[in-house]
């Protein structure tokens, strides 16, 4: 089991959990390579699984959001003030949660996504509406917000390619209402991309970078 205990860098005063991307001892080129390759770090898997089970959401979707939001940087802070791996706004953390603690951040992000799923179920719009809620709350409609679901879907494709979504998710051992439907929607997304986008996908992130992921990297589209 991962240690979730934070330590403080004596030089910068910034807190981090040893061995994660926030650890200044983790080589920079490894972090950059991960950002452009569509590879998710595995050190947070237990946290994603825990959050997925607790809030009845899909762990793969949580990881895809994380890739789109912060490119896996646990210390990321946006211009709007969103913080950590899943870029959660400060008001969405519960008392005692630390924005830059990976587990706390993932739990808070899953909680916001679950709220978005409930909002979409009540008001219509499906998964895309839930993702726009995650990105912008009830105040949304900007160009970035409208395009946000596509960013998450691209991250999903980069991470999982043609994989049969959901079969290996821990929460599938205890099926939840929203998880199977999410898997079905995401698989349809991937099927459409295989038919229409065999030349590769451009994976964008919120730091302004992008990478071309070829059909071979995604598992042989086309």
C-alpha atoms as a PDB file:
ATOM      1  CA  UNK A   1       0.000   0.000   0.000  1.00  0.00           C
ATOM      2  CA  UNK A   2       1.299   3.466  -0.878  1.00  0.00           C
ATOM      3  CA  UNK A   3       2.391   5.831   1.855  1.00  0.00           C
ATOM      4  CA  UNK A   4       0.146   8.876   1.796  1.00  0.00           C
ATOM      5  CA  UNK A   5       2.340  10.898   4.149  1.00  0.00           C
ATOM      6  CA  UNK A   6       3.473  14.258   2.832  1.00  0.00           C
ATOM      7  CA  UNK A   7       6.966  15.631   3.345  1.00  0.00           C
ATOM      8  CA  UNK A   8       8.210  19.165   2.773  1.00  0.00           C
ATOM      9  CA  UNK A   9      11.004  20.127   0.399  1.00  0.00           C
ATOM     10  CA  UNK A  10      13.486  22.094   2.556  1.00  0.00           C
ATOM     11  CA  UNK A  11      14.535  24.210  -0.419  1.00  0.00           C
ATOM     12  CA  UNK A  12      11.154  25.230  -1.814  1.00  0.00           C
ATOM     13  CA  UNK A  13       8.902  24.618   1.189  1.00  0.00           C
ATOM     14  CA  UNK A  14       6.460  22.739  -1.061  1.00  0.00           C
ATOM     15  CA  UNK A  15       4.842  19.563   0.219  1.00  0.00           C
ATOM     16  CA  UNK A  16       4.856  16.330  -1.789  1.00  0.00           C
ATOM     17  CA  UNK A  17       4.444  12.591  -1.383  1.00  0.00           C
ATOM     18  CA  UNK A  18       7.706  10.708  -2.059  1.00  0.00           C
ATOM     19  CA  UNK A  19       7.784   8.791  -5.317  1.00  0.00           C
ATOM     20  CA  UNK A  20       4.945  10.681  -7.013  1.00  0.00           C
ATOM     21  CA  UNK A  21       5.237  13.206  -9.836  1.00  0.00           C
ATOM     22  CA  UNK A  22       5.262  15.958  -7.222  1.00  0.00           C
ATOM     23  CA  UNK A  23       8.533  14.593  -5.827  1.00  0.00           C
ATOM     24  CA  UNK A  24      11.320  16.916  -7.065  1.00  0.00           C
ATOM     25  CA  UNK A  25      13.626  13.897  -7.184  1.00  0.00           C
ATOM     26  CA  UNK A  26      11.539  12.337  -9.974  1.00  0.00           C
ATOM     27  CA  UNK A  27      13.406  13.177 -13.159  1.00  0.00           C
ATOM     28  CA  UNK A  28      11.835  15.854 -15.302  1.00  0.00           C
ATOM     29  CA  UNK A  29      12.211  13.963 -18.566  1.00  0.00           C
ATOM     30  CA  UNK A  30      10.174  11.079 -17.136  1.00  0.00           C
ATOM     31  CA  UNK A  31       7.370  13.463 -16.272  1.00  0.00           C
ATOM     32  CA  UNK A  32       7.449  15.105 -19.713  1.00  0.00           C
ATOM     33  CA  UNK A  33       7.519  11.744 -21.464  1.00  0.00           C
ATOM     34  CA  UNK A  34       4.480  10.627 -19.517  1.00  0.00           C
ATOM     35  CA  UNK A  35       2.557  13.775 -20.412  1.00  0.00           C
ATOM     36  CA  UNK A  36       2.899  13.307 -24.173  1.00  0.00           C
ATOM     37  CA  UNK A  37       2.704   9.526 -24.348  1.00  0.00           C
ATOM     38  CA  UNK A  38      -0.773   8.936 -22.959  1.00  0.00           C
ATOM     39  CA  UNK A  39       0.684   6.777 -20.181  1.00  0.00           C
ATOM     40  CA  UNK A  40      -0.950   7.047 -16.783  1.00  0.00           C
ATOM     41  CA  UNK A  41       1.230   6.596 -13.692  1.00  0.00           C
ATOM     42  CA  UNK A  42       0.270   3.584 -11.624  1.00  0.00           C
ATOM     43  CA  UNK A  43       1.100   4.903  -8.164  1.00  0.00           C
ATOM     44  CA  UNK A  44      -2.410   6.380  -7.801  1.00  0.00           C
ATOM     45  CA  UNK A  45      -4.344   3.279  -8.897  1.00  0.00           C
ATOM     46  CA  UNK A  46      -5.482   2.385  -5.367  1.00  0.00           C
ATOM     47  CA  UNK A  47      -6.845   5.897  -4.890  1.00  0.00           C
ATOM     48  CA  UNK A  48      -8.739   5.861  -8.187  1.00  0.00           C
ATOM     49  CA  UNK A  49     -10.240   2.462  -7.385  1.00  0.00           C
ATOM     50  CA  UNK A  50     -11.245   3.608  -3.902  1.00  0.00           C
ATOM     51  CA  UNK A  51     -12.845   6.792  -5.230  1.00  0.00           C
ATOM     52  CA  UNK A  52     -14.624   4.942  -8.049  1.00  0.00           C
ATOM     53  CA  UNK A  53     -16.226   2.510  -5.615  1.00  0.00           C
ATOM     54  CA  UNK A  54     -17.169   5.166  -3.073  1.00  0.00           C
ATOM     55  CA  UNK A  55     -18.788   7.574  -5.526  1.00  0.00           C
ATOM     56  CA  UNK A  56     -20.087   5.045  -8.099  1.00  0.00           C
ATOM     57  CA  UNK A  57     -18.086   6.439 -11.009  1.00  0.00           C
ATOM     58  CA  UNK A  58     -15.717   4.838 -13.498  1.00  0.00           C
ATOM     59  CA  UNK A  59     -12.015   4.692 -12.571  1.00  0.00           C
ATOM     60  CA  UNK A  60     -10.935   4.906 -16.218  1.00  0.00           C
ATOM     61  CA  UNK A  61     -12.978   8.058 -16.656  1.00  0.00           C
ATOM     62  CA  UNK A  62     -11.371   9.549 -13.536  1.00  0.00           C
ATOM     63  CA  UNK A  63      -7.915   8.862 -14.976  1.00  0.00           C
ATOM     64  CA  UNK A  64      -8.893  10.351 -18.320  1.00  0.00           C
ATOM     65  CA  UNK A  65     -10.079  13.515 -16.592  1.00  0.00           C
ATOM     66  CA  UNK A  66      -6.812  13.683 -14.661  1.00  0.00           C
ATOM     67  CA  UNK A  67      -4.766  13.441 -17.852  1.00  0.00           C
ATOM     68  CA  UNK A  68      -6.839  16.159 -19.511  1.00  0.00           C
ATOM     69  CA  UNK A  69      -6.827  18.443 -16.477  1.00  0.00           C
ATOM     70  CA  UNK A  70      -3.269  18.409 -15.124  1.00  0.00           C
ATOM     71  CA  UNK A  71      -1.199  16.055 -17.300  1.00  0.00           C
ATOM     72  CA  UNK A  72      -0.639  14.129 -14.041  1.00  0.00           C
ATOM     73  CA  UNK A  73       0.995  17.028 -12.187  1.00  0.00           C
ATOM     74  CA  UNK A  74      -0.154  16.809  -8.526  1.00  0.00           C
ATOM     75  CA  UNK A  75       1.039  20.369  -7.866  1.00  0.00           C
ATOM     76  CA  UNK A  76      -0.716  21.994 -10.833  1.00  0.00           C
ATOM     77  CA  UNK A  77      -2.605  25.238 -10.224  1.00  0.00           C
ATOM     78  CA  UNK A  78      -4.709  26.840 -12.955  1.00  0.00           C
ATOM     79  CA  UNK A  79      -5.276  30.551 -13.560  1.00  0.00           C
ATOM     80  CA  UNK A  80      -8.789  30.055 -12.200  1.00  0.00           C
ATOM     81  CA  UNK A  81      -7.411  28.537  -8.994  1.00  0.00           C
ATOM     82  CA  UNK A  82      -8.142  24.844  -9.668  1.00  0.00           C
ATOM     83  CA  UNK A  83      -5.670  22.664  -7.816  1.00  0.00           C
ATOM     84  CA  UNK A  84      -3.882  19.340  -7.996  1.00  0.00           C
ATOM     85  CA  UNK A  85      -4.191  16.218 -10.117  1.00  0.00           C
ATOM     86  CA  UNK A  86      -7.860  16.593 -10.996  1.00  0.00           C
ATOM     87  CA  UNK A  87      -7.849  20.414 -10.905  1.00  0.00           C
ATOM     88  CA  UNK A  88     -10.496  20.743  -8.217  1.00  0.00           C
ATOM     89  CA  UNK A  89     -11.621  24.209  -7.149  1.00  0.00           C
ATOM     90  CA  UNK A  90     -10.902  25.067  -3.489  1.00  0.00           C
ATOM     91  CA  UNK A  91     -14.581  25.214  -2.484  1.00  0.00           C
ATOM     92  CA  UNK A  92     -15.036  21.572  -3.497  1.00  0.00           C
ATOM     93  CA  UNK A  93     -12.658  20.189  -0.893  1.00  0.00           C
ATOM     94  CA  UNK A  94     -14.041  19.010   2.407  1.00  0.00           C
ATOM     95  CA  UNK A  95     -12.533  20.083   5.738  1.00  0.00           C
ATOM     96  CA  UNK A  96      -9.256  18.272   6.327  1.00  0.00           C
ATOM     97  CA  UNK A  97      -8.621  17.483   2.647  1.00  0.00           C
ATOM     98  CA  UNK A  98      -5.362  18.718   1.137  1.00  0.00           C
ATOM     99  CA  UNK A  99      -5.595  19.846  -2.513  1.00  0.00           C
ATOM    100  CA  UNK A 100      -2.074  18.629  -3.298  1.00  0.00           C
ATOM    101  CA  UNK A 101      -2.411  15.286  -1.562  1.00  0.00           C
ATOM    102  CA  UNK A 102      -3.108  12.843  -4.434  1.00  0.00           C
ATOM    103  CA  UNK A 103      -5.638  10.750  -2.538  1.00  0.00           C
ATOM    104  CA  UNK A 104      -7.547  13.750  -1.209  1.00  0.00           C
ATOM    105  CA  UNK A 105      -7.556  15.374  -4.642  1.00  0.00           C
ATOM    106  CA  UNK A 106      -8.791  12.227  -6.405  1.00  0.00           C
ATOM    107  CA  UNK A 107     -11.539  11.741  -3.824  1.00  0.00           C
ATOM    108  CA  UNK A 108     -12.653  15.355  -4.255  1.00  0.00           C
ATOM    109  CA  UNK A 109     -12.557  15.057  -8.044  1.00  0.00           C
ATOM    110  CA  UNK A 110     -14.618  11.873  -7.979  1.00  0.00           C
ATOM    111  CA  UNK A 111     -17.138  13.593  -5.726  1.00  0.00           C
ATOM    112  CA  UNK A 112     -17.499  16.468  -8.217  1.00  0.00           C
ATOM    113  CA  UNK A 113     -17.861  14.036 -11.119  1.00  0.00           C
ATOM    114  CA  UNK A 114     -20.555  12.126  -9.220  1.00  0.00           C
ATOM    115  CA  UNK A 115     -22.412  15.410  -8.715  1.00  0.00           C
ATOM    116  CA  UNK A 116     -22.085  16.043 -12.448  1.00  0.00           C
ATOM    117  CA  UNK A 117     -23.511  12.617 -13.243  1.00  0.00           C
ATOM    118  CA  UNK A 118     -26.500  13.314 -11.000  1.00  0.00           C
ATOM    119  CA  UNK A 119     -26.971  16.742 -12.600  1.00  0.00           C
ATOM    120  CA  UNK A 120     -26.899  15.226 -16.105  1.00  0.00           C
ATOM    121  CA  UNK A 121     -29.314  12.475 -15.102  1.00  0.00           C
ATOM    122  CA  UNK A 122     -31.758  15.075 -13.826  1.00  0.00           C
ATOM    123  CA  UNK A 123     -31.347  17.657 -16.591  1.00  0.00           C
ATOM    124  CA  UNK A 124     -30.341  15.569 -19.599  1.00  0.00           C
ATOM    125  CA  UNK A 125     -27.218  15.634 -21.729  1.00  0.00           C
ATOM    126  CA  UNK A 126     -25.602  12.372 -20.669  1.00  0.00           C
ATOM    127  CA  UNK A 127     -21.883  11.941 -20.184  1.00  0.00           C
ATOM    128  CA  UNK A 128     -20.926  15.104 -22.081  1.00  0.00           C
ATOM    129  CA  UNK A 129     -23.111  17.229 -19.824  1.00  0.00           C
ATOM    130  CA  UNK A 130     -21.601  15.554 -16.752  1.00  0.00           C
ATOM    131  CA  UNK A 131     -18.107  16.369 -18.014  1.00  0.00           C
ATOM    132  CA  UNK A 132     -19.040  19.982 -18.734  1.00  0.00           C
ATOM    133  CA  UNK A 133     -20.410  20.196 -15.201  1.00  0.00           C
ATOM    134  CA  UNK A 134     -17.084  18.884 -13.905  1.00  0.00           C
ATOM    135  CA  UNK A 135     -15.215  21.490 -15.910  1.00  0.00           C
ATOM    136  CA  UNK A 136     -17.443  24.472 -15.244  1.00  0.00           C
ATOM    137  CA  UNK A 137     -20.026  23.672 -12.598  1.00  0.00           C
ATOM    138  CA  UNK A 138     -23.431  25.196 -13.275  1.00  0.00           C
ATOM    139  CA  UNK A 139     -21.671  28.239 -14.821  1.00  0.00           C
ATOM    140  CA  UNK A 140     -20.515  27.017 -18.191  1.00  0.00           C
ATOM    141  CA  UNK A 141     -20.865  27.610 -21.901  1.00  0.00           C
ATOM    142  CA  UNK A 142     -17.422  28.932 -22.816  1.00  0.00           C
ATOM    143  CA  UNK A 143     -15.592  27.541 -25.851  1.00  0.00           C
ATOM    144  CA  UNK A 144     -13.226  25.631 -23.551  1.00  0.00           C
ATOM    145  CA  UNK A 145     -16.139  24.178 -21.615  1.00  0.00           C
ATOM    146  CA  UNK A 146     -17.999  23.106 -24.752  1.00  0.00           C
ATOM    147  CA  UNK A 147     -14.875  21.368 -26.065  1.00  0.00           C
ATOM    148  CA  UNK A 148     -13.944  19.817 -22.722  1.00  0.00           C
ATOM    149  CA  UNK A 149     -15.685  16.436 -23.247  1.00  0.00           C
ATOM    150  CA  UNK A 150     -13.628  15.920 -26.401  1.00  0.00           C
ATOM    151  CA  UNK A 151     -10.419  16.469 -24.459  1.00  0.00           C
ATOM    152  CA  UNK A 152     -11.407  13.821 -21.936  1.00  0.00           C
ATOM    153  CA  UNK A 153     -12.453  11.384 -24.666  1.00  0.00           C
ATOM    154  CA  UNK A 154      -9.108  11.849 -26.419  1.00  0.00           C
ATOM    155  CA  UNK A 155      -7.304  11.109 -23.189  1.00  0.00           C
ATOM    156  CA  UNK A 156      -9.419   7.987 -22.774  1.00  0.00           C
ATOM    157  CA  UNK A 157      -8.478   6.838 -26.264  1.00  0.00           C
ATOM    158  CA  UNK A 158      -4.792   7.529 -25.594  1.00  0.00           C
ATOM    159  CA  UNK A 159      -4.856   5.570 -22.347  1.00  0.00           C
ATOM    160  CA  UNK A 160      -7.019   2.610 -23.337  1.00  0.00           C
ATOM    161  CA  UNK A 161      -7.084   2.425 -27.131  1.00  0.00           C
ATOM    162  CA  UNK A 162      -9.210  -0.517 -28.293  1.00  0.00           C
ATOM    163  CA  UNK A 163      -9.362  -2.145 -24.871  1.00  0.00           C
ATOM    164  CA  UNK A 164     -12.684  -3.653 -23.886  1.00  0.00           C
ATOM    165  CA  UNK A 165     -13.566  -1.010 -21.351  1.00  0.00           C
ATOM    166  CA  UNK A 166     -14.794  -1.964 -17.919  1.00  0.00           C
ATOM    167  CA  UNK A 167     -13.833  -5.626 -17.817  1.00  0.00           C
ATOM    168  CA  UNK A 168     -10.790  -5.061 -15.637  1.00  0.00           C
ATOM    169  CA  UNK A 169     -12.182  -2.260 -13.487  1.00  0.00           C
ATOM    170  CA  UNK A 170     -12.297  -3.248  -9.809  1.00  0.00           C
ATOM    171  CA  UNK A 171     -15.723  -1.669  -9.401  1.00  0.00           C
ATOM    172  CA  UNK A 172     -17.089  -4.091 -11.996  1.00  0.00           C
ATOM    173  CA  UNK A 173     -16.884  -6.734  -9.261  1.00  0.00           C
ATOM    174  CA  UNK A 174     -19.479  -4.629  -7.502  1.00  0.00           C
ATOM    175  CA  UNK A 175     -21.390  -3.076 -10.421  1.00  0.00           C
ATOM    176  CA  UNK A 176     -22.683   0.440  -9.934  1.00  0.00           C
ATOM    177  CA  UNK A 177     -25.466   2.182 -11.771  1.00  0.00           C
ATOM    178  CA  UNK A 178     -23.401   4.703 -13.697  1.00  0.00           C
ATOM    179  CA  UNK A 179     -20.289   2.665 -14.454  1.00  0.00           C
ATOM    180  CA  UNK A 180     -21.625   0.247 -17.075  1.00  0.00           C
ATOM    181  CA  UNK A 181     -23.384   3.045 -18.945  1.00  0.00           C
ATOM    182  CA  UNK A 182     -20.206   5.117 -18.919  1.00  0.00           C
ATOM    183  CA  UNK A 183     -18.231   2.187 -20.325  1.00  0.00           C
ATOM    184  CA  UNK A 184     -20.792   1.722 -23.106  1.00  0.00           C
ATOM    185  CA  UNK A 185     -20.672   5.392 -24.097  1.00  0.00           C
ATOM    186  CA  UNK A 186     -16.887   5.500 -24.072  1.00  0.00           C
ATOM    187  CA  UNK A 187     -16.657   2.333 -26.175  1.00  0.00           C
ATOM    188  CA  UNK A 188     -18.961   3.948 -28.732  1.00  0.00           C
ATOM    189  CA  UNK A 189     -16.649   6.956 -28.764  1.00  0.00           C
ATOM    190  CA  UNK A 190     -13.684   4.725 -29.505  1.00  0.00           C
ATOM    191  CA  UNK A 191     -15.578   2.867 -32.228  1.00  0.00           C
ATOM    192  CA  UNK A 192     -16.367   6.168 -33.959  1.00  0.00           C
ATOM    193  CA  UNK A 193     -12.746   7.239 -33.746  1.00  0.00           C
ATOM    194  CA  UNK A 194     -11.587   3.970 -35.283  1.00  0.00           C
ATOM    195  CA  UNK A 195     -13.907   4.550 -38.243  1.00  0.00           C
ATOM    196  CA  UNK A 196     -13.255   8.243 -38.756  1.00  0.00           C
ATOM    197  CA  UNK A 197      -9.820   9.091 -37.438  1.00  0.00           C
ATOM    198  CA  UNK A 198      -7.396   6.367 -38.483  1.00  0.00           C
ATOM    199  CA  UNK A 199      -4.553   8.840 -38.987  1.00  0.00           C
ATOM    200  CA  UNK A 200      -4.089   9.554 -35.316  1.00  0.00           C
ATOM    201  CA  UNK A 201      -5.371  11.808 -32.572  1.00  0.00           C
ATOM    202  CA  UNK A 202      -4.070  15.102 -31.267  1.00  0.00           C
ATOM    203  CA  UNK A 203      -3.935  14.877 -27.481  1.00  0.00           C
ATOM    204  CA  UNK A 204      -4.227  18.332 -25.911  1.00  0.00           C
ATOM    205  CA  UNK A 205      -3.555  19.267 -22.316  1.00  0.00           C
ATOM    206  CA  UNK A 206      -4.258  22.317 -20.221  1.00  0.00           C
ATOM    207  CA  UNK A 207      -0.618  23.426 -20.286  1.00  0.00           C
ATOM    208  CA  UNK A 208      -0.845  24.181 -23.991  1.00  0.00           C
ATOM    209  CA  UNK A 209       1.078  21.155 -25.247  1.00  0.00           C
ATOM    210  CA  UNK A 210      -0.099  18.474 -27.585  1.00  0.00           C
ATOM    211  CA  UNK A 211       1.072  15.197 -29.037  1.00  0.00           C
ATOM    212  CA  UNK A 212       0.103  13.119 -32.045  1.00  0.00           C
ATOM    213  CA  UNK A 213      -0.887   9.596 -31.095  1.00  0.00           C
ATOM    214  CA  UNK A 214      -0.761   7.269 -34.083  1.00  0.00           C
ATOM    215  CA  UNK A 215      -3.149   4.463 -34.895  1.00  0.00           C
ATOM    216  CA  UNK A 216      -0.467   1.966 -33.934  1.00  0.00           C
ATOM    217  CA  UNK A 217      -0.088   3.524 -30.481  1.00  0.00           C
ATOM    218  CA  UNK A 218      -3.836   3.380 -29.996  1.00  0.00           C
ATOM    219  CA  UNK A 219      -3.920  -0.295 -30.847  1.00  0.00           C
ATOM    220  CA  UNK A 220      -4.345  -0.324 -34.608  1.00  0.00           C
ATOM    221  CA  UNK A 221      -7.177   1.953 -35.664  1.00  0.00           C
ATOM    222  CA  UNK A 222      -8.239   1.893 -39.278  1.00  0.00           C
END
